C-alpha atoms as a PDB file:
ATOM      1  CA  UNK A   1      52.213 188.201 -30.558  1.00  0.00           C
ATOM      2  CA  UNK A   2      54.852 190.778 -31.036  1.00  0.00           C
ATOM      3  CA  UNK A   3      56.835 193.129 -28.654  1.00  0.00           C
ATOM      4  CA  UNK A   4      57.562 196.698 -29.953  1.00  0.00           C
ATOM      5  CA  UNK A   5      60.786 198.036 -28.952  1.00  0.00           C
ATOM      6  CA  UNK A   6      59.162 200.418 -26.343  1.00  0.00           C
ATOM      7  CA  UNK A   7      57.856 197.305 -24.773  1.00  0.00           C
ATOM      8  CA  UNK A   8      61.380 195.690 -24.619  1.00  0.00           C
ATOM      9  CA  UNK A   9      64.198 196.119 -21.946  1.00  0.00           C
ATOM     10  CA  UNK A  10      68.203 195.396 -22.154  1.00  0.00           C
ATOM     11  CA  UNK A  11      69.076 192.819 -19.273  1.00  0.00           C
ATOM     12  CA  UNK A  12      72.718 192.022 -18.779  1.00  0.00           C
ATOM     13  CA  UNK A  13      73.724 188.621 -17.561  1.00  0.00           C
ATOM     14  CA  UNK A  14      76.744 187.360 -16.475  1.00  0.00           C
ATOM     15  CA  UNK A  15      78.356 190.487 -15.163  1.00  0.00           C
ATOM     16  CA  UNK A  16      77.700 192.032 -18.891  1.00  0.00           C
ATOM     17  CA  UNK A  17      78.900 188.980 -20.921  1.00  0.00           C
ATOM     18  CA  UNK A  18      75.583 188.815 -21.929  1.00  0.00           C
ATOM     19  CA  UNK A  19      73.064 191.239 -22.666  1.00  0.00           C
ATOM     20  CA  UNK A  20      69.344 190.305 -23.874  1.00  0.00           C
ATOM     21  CA  UNK A  21      66.450 192.064 -25.267  1.00  0.00           C
ATOM     22  CA  UNK A  22      63.240 191.132 -22.851  1.00  0.00           C
ATOM     23  CA  UNK A  23      59.780 192.270 -22.677  1.00  0.00           C
ATOM     24  CA  UNK A  24      58.912 194.605 -19.892  1.00  0.00           C
ATOM     25  CA  UNK A  25      55.788 192.822 -18.828  1.00  0.00           C
ATOM     26  CA  UNK A  26      56.231 189.222 -20.087  1.00  0.00           C
ATOM     27  CA  UNK A  27      57.793 186.392 -18.922  1.00  0.00           C
ATOM     28  CA  UNK A  28      61.596 187.688 -17.864  1.00  0.00           C
ATOM     29  CA  UNK A  29      64.532 185.382 -17.284  1.00  0.00           C
ATOM     30  CA  UNK A  30      66.176 185.496 -13.879  1.00  0.00           C
ATOM     31  CA  UNK A  31      68.403 182.466 -12.487  1.00  0.00           C
ATOM     32  CA  UNK A  32      66.701 179.594 -13.451  1.00  0.00           C
ATOM     33  CA  UNK A  33      68.426 179.928 -17.350  1.00  0.00           C
ATOM     34  CA  UNK A  34      71.750 180.574 -15.831  1.00  0.00           C
ATOM     35  CA  UNK A  35      71.926 177.790 -13.454  1.00  0.00           C
ATOM     36  CA  UNK A  36      70.238 175.304 -16.095  1.00  0.00           C
ATOM     37  CA  UNK A  37      73.390 176.569 -18.227  1.00  0.00           C
ATOM     38  CA  UNK A  38      75.880 176.248 -16.197  1.00  0.00           C
ATOM     39  CA  UNK A  39      74.472 172.594 -15.366  1.00  0.00           C
ATOM     40  CA  UNK A  40      74.962 171.632 -18.929  1.00  0.00           C
ATOM     41  CA  UNK A  41      78.131 169.491 -19.400  1.00  0.00           C
ATOM     42  CA  UNK A  42      78.484 170.695 -22.993  1.00  0.00           C
ATOM     43  CA  UNK A  43      81.722 170.988 -24.585  1.00  0.00           C
ATOM     44  CA  UNK A  44      83.206 172.732 -27.934  1.00  0.00           C
ATOM     45  CA  UNK A  45      81.715 172.140 -31.024  1.00  0.00           C
ATOM     46  CA  UNK A  46      79.220 169.709 -29.275  1.00  0.00           C
ATOM     47  CA  UNK A  47      75.241 170.261 -30.496  1.00  0.00           C
ATOM     48  CA  UNK A  48      72.751 171.936 -27.981  1.00  0.00           C
ATOM     49  CA  UNK A  49      68.734 171.960 -28.207  1.00  0.00           C
ATOM     50  CA  UNK A  50      66.687 174.166 -25.800  1.00  0.00           C
ATOM     51  CA  UNK A  51      63.255 173.125 -25.772  1.00  0.00           C
ATOM     52  CA  UNK A  52      61.479 176.504 -25.010  1.00  0.00           C
ATOM     53  CA  UNK A  53      63.814 178.509 -25.607  1.00  0.00           C
ATOM     54  CA  UNK A  54      61.931 181.473 -24.422  1.00  0.00           C
ATOM     55  CA  UNK A  55      64.127 184.493 -25.491  1.00  0.00           C
ATOM     56  CA  UNK A  56      67.318 182.685 -25.517  1.00  0.00           C
ATOM     57  CA  UNK A  57      68.835 183.091 -22.447  1.00  0.00           C
ATOM     58  CA  UNK A  58      69.615 179.503 -21.006  1.00  0.00           C
ATOM     59  CA  UNK A  59      71.392 178.698 -24.845  1.00  0.00           C
ATOM     60  CA  UNK A  60      72.690 181.840 -25.065  1.00  0.00           C
ATOM     61  CA  UNK A  61      74.122 182.059 -21.370  1.00  0.00           C
ATOM     62  CA  UNK A  62      75.701 178.319 -22.407  1.00  0.00           C
ATOM     63  CA  UNK A  63      76.990 179.586 -25.500  1.00  0.00           C
ATOM     64  CA  UNK A  64      78.711 182.400 -24.085  1.00  0.00           C
ATOM     65  CA  UNK A  65      80.353 179.983 -21.470  1.00  0.00           C
ATOM     66  CA  UNK A  66      81.208 177.437 -23.895  1.00  0.00           C
ATOM     67  CA  UNK A  67      83.051 178.657 -27.388  1.00  0.00           C
ATOM     68  CA  UNK A  68      82.064 176.492 -30.693  1.00  0.00           C
ATOM     69  CA  UNK A  69      78.628 175.173 -29.387  1.00  0.00           C
ATOM     70  CA  UNK A  70      75.944 174.648 -32.232  1.00  0.00           C
ATOM     71  CA  UNK A  71      73.089 176.088 -30.636  1.00  0.00           C
ATOM     72  CA  UNK A  72      69.370 175.730 -31.446  1.00  0.00           C
ATOM     73  CA  UNK A  73      65.918 176.217 -29.686  1.00  0.00           C
ATOM     74  CA  UNK A  74      62.461 175.217 -30.155  1.00  0.00           C
ATOM     75  CA  UNK A  75      59.983 178.083 -28.906  1.00  0.00           C
ATOM     76  CA  UNK A  76      56.238 178.140 -29.078  1.00  0.00           C
ATOM     77  CA  UNK A  77      55.318 181.859 -28.863  1.00  0.00           C
ATOM     78  CA  UNK A  78      56.273 183.459 -31.974  1.00  0.00           C
ATOM     79  CA  UNK A  79      57.399 187.250 -30.116  1.00  0.00           C
ATOM     80  CA  UNK A  80      59.989 185.148 -28.345  1.00  0.00           C
ATOM     81  CA  UNK A  81      61.030 182.941 -30.805  1.00  0.00           C
ATOM     82  CA  UNK A  82      62.109 186.348 -32.558  1.00  0.00           C
ATOM     83  CA  UNK A  83      63.494 187.999 -29.379  1.00  0.00           C
ATOM     84  CA  UNK A  84      65.934 184.484 -29.425  1.00  0.00           C
ATOM     85  CA  UNK A  85      66.913 185.182 -32.629  1.00  0.00           C
ATOM     86  CA  UNK A  86      67.630 188.653 -32.446  1.00  0.00           C
ATOM     87  CA  UNK A  87      69.574 188.080 -28.904  1.00  0.00           C
ATOM     88  CA  UNK A  88      71.816 185.402 -30.532  1.00  0.00           C
ATOM     89  CA  UNK A  89      72.844 188.291 -33.116  1.00  0.00           C
ATOM     90  CA  UNK A  90      73.365 190.976 -31.148  1.00  0.00           C
ATOM     91  CA  UNK A  91      75.745 188.815 -28.547  1.00  0.00           C
ATOM     92  CA  UNK A  92      77.719 187.102 -31.609  1.00  0.00           C
ATOM     93  CA  UNK A  93      76.460 183.910 -31.438  1.00  0.00           C
ATOM     94  CA  UNK A  94      74.646 181.634 -34.047  1.00  0.00           C
ATOM     95  CA  UNK A  95      71.201 180.389 -33.077  1.00  0.00           C
ATOM     96  CA  UNK A  96      68.886 178.428 -35.129  1.00  0.00           C
ATOM     97  CA  UNK A  97      65.148 179.015 -33.635  1.00  0.00           C
ATOM     98  CA  UNK A  98      62.562 177.462 -34.841  1.00  0.00           C
ATOM     99  CA  UNK A  99      58.701 178.277 -33.504  1.00  0.00           C
ATOM    100  CA  UNK A 100      56.718 175.304 -32.723  1.00  0.00           C
ATOM    101  CA  UNK A 101      55.958 172.714 -29.832  1.00  0.00           C
ATOM    102  CA  UNK A 102      56.722 169.448 -28.787  1.00  0.00           C
ATOM    103  CA  UNK A 103      53.907 167.272 -29.793  1.00  0.00           C
ATOM    104  CA  UNK A 104      55.364 168.654 -33.435  1.00  0.00           C
ATOM    105  CA  UNK A 105      58.467 169.199 -33.623  1.00  0.00           C
ATOM    106  CA  UNK A 106      59.808 170.971 -36.654  1.00  0.00           C
ATOM    107  CA  UNK A 107      61.271 169.392 -39.336  1.00  0.00           C
ATOM    108  CA  UNK A 108      64.593 171.292 -39.109  1.00  0.00           C
ATOM    109  CA  UNK A 109      65.240 170.291 -35.583  1.00  0.00           C
ATOM    110  CA  UNK A 110      64.308 166.380 -35.765  1.00  0.00           C
ATOM    111  CA  UNK A 111      67.893 165.749 -35.814  1.00  0.00           C
ATOM    112  CA  UNK A 112      70.362 163.847 -32.598  1.00  0.00           C
ATOM    113  CA  UNK A 113      71.883 166.347 -30.478  1.00  0.00           C
ATOM    114  CA  UNK A 114      74.595 165.853 -27.709  1.00  0.00           C
ATOM    115  CA  UNK A 115      72.993 167.859 -25.205  1.00  0.00           C
ATOM    116  CA  UNK A 116      68.884 168.882 -24.563  1.00  0.00           C
ATOM    117  CA  UNK A 117      68.163 171.413 -22.037  1.00  0.00           C
ATOM    118  CA  UNK A 118      64.589 172.664 -20.656  1.00  0.00           C
ATOM    119  CA  UNK A 119      63.517 175.316 -18.405  1.00  0.00           C
ATOM    120  CA  UNK A 120      59.511 173.804 -18.307  1.00  0.00           C
ATOM    121  CA  UNK A 121      56.731 176.210 -16.929  1.00  0.00           C
ATOM    122  CA  UNK A 122      56.492 174.714 -13.223  1.00  0.00           C
ATOM    123  CA  UNK A 123      53.455 177.067 -11.683  1.00  0.00           C
ATOM    124  CA  UNK A 124      50.074 175.056 -11.597  1.00  0.00           C
ATOM    125  CA  UNK A 125      47.233 175.842 -13.599  1.00  0.00           C
ATOM    126  CA  UNK A 126      44.358 177.545 -11.144  1.00  0.00           C
ATOM    127  CA  UNK A 127      44.452 180.371  -9.598  1.00  0.00           C
ATOM    128  CA  UNK A 128      44.430 183.777 -11.194  1.00  0.00           C
ATOM    129  CA  UNK A 129      46.820 183.920 -14.256  1.00  0.00           C
ATOM    130  CA  UNK A 130      48.867 186.465 -15.591  1.00  0.00           C
ATOM    131  CA  UNK A 131      46.603 188.810 -17.547  1.00  0.00           C
ATOM    132  CA  UNK A 132      49.710 188.930 -19.708  1.00  0.00           C
ATOM    133  CA  UNK A 133      48.950 185.946 -22.050  1.00  0.00           C
ATOM    134  CA  UNK A 134      52.984 185.685 -23.120  1.00  0.00           C
ATOM    135  CA  UNK A 135      53.581 185.400 -19.467  1.00  0.00           C
ATOM    136  CA  UNK A 136      50.991 183.225 -18.194  1.00  0.00           C
ATOM    137  CA  UNK A 137      51.706 180.663 -21.452  1.00  0.00           C
ATOM    138  CA  UNK A 138      55.704 180.919 -20.300  1.00  0.00           C
ATOM    139  CA  UNK A 139      55.519 180.409 -16.460  1.00  0.00           C
ATOM    140  CA  UNK A 140      51.844 177.941 -16.212  1.00  0.00           C
ATOM    141  CA  UNK A 141      52.066 174.537 -17.238  1.00  0.00           C
ATOM    142  CA  UNK A 142      50.194 173.520 -20.045  1.00  0.00           C
ATOM    143  CA  UNK A 143      52.302 170.427 -21.152  1.00  0.00           C
ATOM    144  CA  UNK A 144      53.071 167.469 -18.767  1.00  0.00           C
ATOM    145  CA  UNK A 145      56.896 167.590 -17.652  1.00  0.00           C
ATOM    146  CA  UNK A 146      56.619 163.713 -19.107  1.00  0.00           C
ATOM    147  CA  UNK A 147      55.844 165.288 -22.644  1.00  0.00           C
ATOM    148  CA  UNK A 148      59.190 167.697 -21.894  1.00  0.00           C
ATOM    149  CA  UNK A 149      61.518 164.548 -21.135  1.00  0.00           C
ATOM    150  CA  UNK A 150      60.020 162.474 -24.026  1.00  0.00           C
ATOM    151  CA  UNK A 151      60.544 164.888 -26.633  1.00  0.00           C
ATOM    152  CA  UNK A 152      64.197 165.445 -25.277  1.00  0.00           C
ATOM    153  CA  UNK A 153      64.673 161.769 -25.250  1.00  0.00           C
ATOM    154  CA  UNK A 154      63.708 161.491 -28.991  1.00  0.00           C
ATOM    155  CA  UNK A 155      65.773 164.440 -29.882  1.00  0.00           C
ATOM    156  CA  UNK A 156      69.302 163.299 -28.445  1.00  0.00           C
ATOM    157  CA  UNK A 157      71.873 160.903 -29.634  1.00  0.00           C
ATOM    158  CA  UNK A 158      73.204 158.031 -27.891  1.00  0.00           C
ATOM    159  CA  UNK A 159      74.974 158.957 -24.756  1.00  0.00           C
ATOM    160  CA  UNK A 160      73.591 162.388 -25.112  1.00  0.00           C
ATOM    161  CA  UNK A 161      72.664 164.369 -22.505  1.00  0.00           C
ATOM    162  CA  UNK A 162      69.110 165.774 -21.107  1.00  0.00           C
ATOM    163  CA  UNK A 163      69.539 168.604 -18.370  1.00  0.00           C
ATOM    164  CA  UNK A 164      66.168 170.167 -16.959  1.00  0.00           C
ATOM    165  CA  UNK A 165      65.562 172.609 -14.104  1.00  0.00           C
ATOM    166  CA  UNK A 166      61.887 172.247 -13.041  1.00  0.00           C
ATOM    167  CA  UNK A 167      59.795 172.346  -9.604  1.00  0.00           C
ATOM    168  CA  UNK A 168      60.744 169.960  -6.872  1.00  0.00           C
ATOM    169  CA  UNK A 169      57.267 168.630  -6.753  1.00  0.00           C
ATOM    170  CA  UNK A 170      57.506 167.903 -10.397  1.00  0.00           C
ATOM    171  CA  UNK A 171      60.542 165.245  -9.557  1.00  0.00           C
ATOM    172  CA  UNK A 172      58.318 162.282  -9.343  1.00  0.00           C
ATOM    173  CA  UNK A 173      56.437 162.614 -12.443  1.00  0.00           C
ATOM    174  CA  UNK A 174      60.317 163.251 -14.386  1.00  0.00           C
ATOM    175  CA  UNK A 175      61.892 160.571 -12.598  1.00  0.00           C
ATOM    176  CA  UNK A 176      59.034 158.097 -13.404  1.00  0.00           C
ATOM    177  CA  UNK A 177      59.412 159.279 -17.184  1.00  0.00           C
ATOM    178  CA  UNK A 178      62.873 158.729 -17.614  1.00  0.00           C
ATOM    179  CA  UNK A 179      62.452 154.736 -18.068  1.00  0.00           C
ATOM    180  CA  UNK A 180      64.726 152.504 -20.121  1.00  0.00           C
ATOM    181  CA  UNK A 181      65.677 155.471 -22.401  1.00  0.00           C
ATOM    182  CA  UNK A 182      67.066 157.778 -19.820  1.00  0.00           C
ATOM    183  CA  UNK A 183      69.399 156.182 -16.926  1.00  0.00           C
ATOM    184  CA  UNK A 184      72.705 157.874 -14.797  1.00  0.00           C
ATOM    185  CA  UNK A 185      70.127 160.319 -13.305  1.00  0.00           C
ATOM    186  CA  UNK A 186      71.633 163.069 -10.742  1.00  0.00           C
ATOM    187  CA  UNK A 187      69.261 165.211  -9.064  1.00  0.00           C
ATOM    188  CA  UNK A 188      70.693 168.551  -7.800  1.00  0.00           C
ATOM    189  CA  UNK A 189      68.393 170.329  -5.371  1.00  0.00           C
ATOM    190  CA  UNK A 190      68.396 174.214  -5.370  1.00  0.00           C
ATOM    191  CA  UNK A 191      67.824 175.630  -1.967  1.00  0.00           C
ATOM    192  CA  UNK A 192      67.189 179.473  -1.439  1.00  0.00           C
ATOM    193  CA  UNK A 193      69.104 179.666   1.772  1.00  0.00           C
ATOM    194  CA  UNK A 194      70.549 177.015   4.153  1.00  0.00           C
ATOM    195  CA  UNK A 195      68.205 175.068   6.153  1.00  0.00           C
ATOM    196  CA  UNK A 196      65.393 175.699   3.667  1.00  0.00           C
ATOM    197  CA  UNK A 197      63.459 173.025   1.347  1.00  0.00           C
ATOM    198  CA  UNK A 198      64.519 173.079  -2.166  1.00  0.00           C
ATOM    199  CA  UNK A 199      61.533 174.812  -4.060  1.00  0.00           C
ATOM    200  CA  UNK A 200      63.197 173.583  -7.505  1.00  0.00           C
ATOM    201  CA  UNK A 201      65.699 171.057  -9.101  1.00  0.00           C
ATOM    202  CA  UNK A 202      68.202 170.388 -11.607  1.00  0.00           C
ATOM    203  CA  UNK A 203      68.475 166.791 -12.949  1.00  0.00           C
ATOM    204  CA  UNK A 204      70.705 165.330 -15.626  1.00  0.00           C
ATOM    205  CA  UNK A 205      70.368 162.196 -17.290  1.00  0.00           C
ATOM    206  CA  UNK A 206      71.744 160.562 -19.934  1.00  0.00           C
ATOM    207  CA  UNK A 207      70.394 158.704 -22.966  1.00  0.00           C
ATOM    208  CA  UNK A 208      71.432 154.933 -22.489  1.00  0.00           C
ATOM    209  CA  UNK A 209      73.058 155.704 -19.278  1.00  0.00           C
ATOM    210  CA  UNK A 210      73.065 152.670 -16.580  1.00  0.00           C
ATOM    211  CA  UNK A 211      74.689 154.405 -13.344  1.00  0.00           C
ATOM    212  CA  UNK A 212      73.037 154.557 -10.103  1.00  0.00           C
ATOM    213  CA  UNK A 213      70.442 157.422  -9.614  1.00  0.00           C
ATOM    214  CA  UNK A 214      72.455 160.041  -7.576  1.00  0.00           C
ATOM    215  CA  UNK A 215      70.505 162.892  -4.961  1.00  0.00           C
ATOM    216  CA  UNK A 216      73.094 165.538  -4.364  1.00  0.00           C
ATOM    217  CA  UNK A 217      73.577 168.405  -1.150  1.00  0.00           C
ATOM    218  CA  UNK A 218      71.284 171.097  -2.294  1.00  0.00           C
ATOM    219  CA  UNK A 219      72.897 174.003  -3.803  1.00  0.00           C
ATOM    220  CA  UNK A 220      72.396 177.048  -1.615  1.00  0.00           C
ATOM    221  CA  UNK A 221      71.677 180.262  -3.545  1.00  0.00           C
ATOM    222  CA  UNK A 222      71.172 182.927  -0.586  1.00  0.00           C
ATOM    223  CA  UNK A 223      73.274 183.792   2.504  1.00  0.00           C
ATOM    224  CA  UNK A 224      71.621 184.136   5.643  1.00  0.00           C
ATOM    225  CA  UNK A 225      67.975 183.374   7.225  1.00  0.00           C
ATOM    226  CA  UNK A 226      66.056 186.303   5.257  1.00  0.00           C
ATOM    227  CA  UNK A 227      66.092 188.704   2.625  1.00  0.00           C
ATOM    228  CA  UNK A 228      68.556 191.696   3.855  1.00  0.00           C
ATOM    229  CA  UNK A 229      66.896 194.894   1.748  1.00  0.00           C
ATOM    230  CA  UNK A 230      67.639 195.111  -1.842  1.00  0.00           C
ATOM    231  CA  UNK A 231      70.947 193.067  -1.580  1.00  0.00           C
ATOM    232  CA  UNK A 232      71.088 189.695  -3.544  1.00  0.00           C
ATOM    233  CA  UNK A 233      73.350 187.947  -0.833  1.00  0.00           C
ATOM    234  CA  UNK A 234      74.393 185.264  -3.214  1.00  0.00           C
ATOM    235  CA  UNK A 235      76.358 182.793  -1.367  1.00  0.00           C
ATOM    236  CA  UNK A 236      80.211 182.450  -2.945  1.00  0.00           C
ATOM    237  CA  UNK A 237      79.270 179.796  -5.225  1.00  0.00           C
ATOM    238  CA  UNK A 238      76.296 181.301  -6.280  1.00  0.00           C
ATOM    239  CA  UNK A 239      78.093 184.212  -7.183  1.00  0.00           C
ATOM    240  CA  UNK A 240      80.459 182.498  -9.372  1.00  0.00           C
ATOM    241  CA  UNK A 241      77.788 180.792 -11.234  1.00  0.00           C
ATOM    242  CA  UNK A 242      75.314 183.252 -11.643  1.00  0.00           C
ATOM    243  CA  UNK A 243      77.658 186.684 -11.793  1.00  0.00           C
ATOM    244  CA  UNK A 244      80.757 184.742 -13.702  1.00  0.00           C
ATOM    245  CA  UNK A 245      79.464 181.736 -15.341  1.00  0.00           C
ATOM    246  CA  UNK A 246      81.356 179.087 -13.500  1.00  0.00           C
ATOM    247  CA  UNK A 247      79.892 175.693 -14.282  1.00  0.00           C
ATOM    248  CA  UNK A 248      78.125 173.543 -11.670  1.00  0.00           C
ATOM    249  CA  UNK A 249      80.409 170.813 -12.870  1.00  0.00           C
ATOM    250  CA  UNK A 250      81.744 170.119  -9.262  1.00  0.00           C
ATOM    251  CA  UNK A 251      78.531 169.782  -7.795  1.00  0.00           C
ATOM    252  CA  UNK A 252      77.995 167.084 -10.361  1.00  0.00           C
ATOM    253  CA  UNK A 253      81.162 165.262 -10.336  1.00  0.00           C
END
């Protein structure tokens, strides 16, 4: 699978600090990778592996906020892997992108990382899939969340951090998979509006961590009870994160 030039758009993230090529008809990054990047506690000089990196949105958003990171990505679909490399170059960031899947990690990525981030597909199989195979593969669950957690644990150095964003209904599976290798788990629910149930969560867990589990107050993304026309109506805090590259460190501290 490849994407021709006419099948792509250039989209600005973080108020234009990052510009990404994305397929017009395939999976297109929105707020999830930006929130994922904001939640990762990476520091300059550390290494980060993005599992299922797509066109590179999460890793490159993180690189735009934190200078001097050593970025790497694993991507199943060749077309998206090519876009991730292209986007890294276009944004002046170095990122090693390898094509492959979680069960057969490419040899260049079989090293220890300070951080692993992941935005796994979370729409269940069934129903009517997207007619675009690339989009269906990126959006619908093929690999269990447990496999993502286990792959991340293998790639983390002792004391390293896993940061994931996924559907709230997957939380029991993820927590049940952490086992003794990953601890100090903290979960940030993501609510579209005040009073709404969280449909997604961000989880942070540390390899070898022993701190008690924490469930945080929901992070509310939009103001108001309902969508108001074409305006995004982000809350002030969501606007800082999604538009101005603020980290989510205050929420996790």
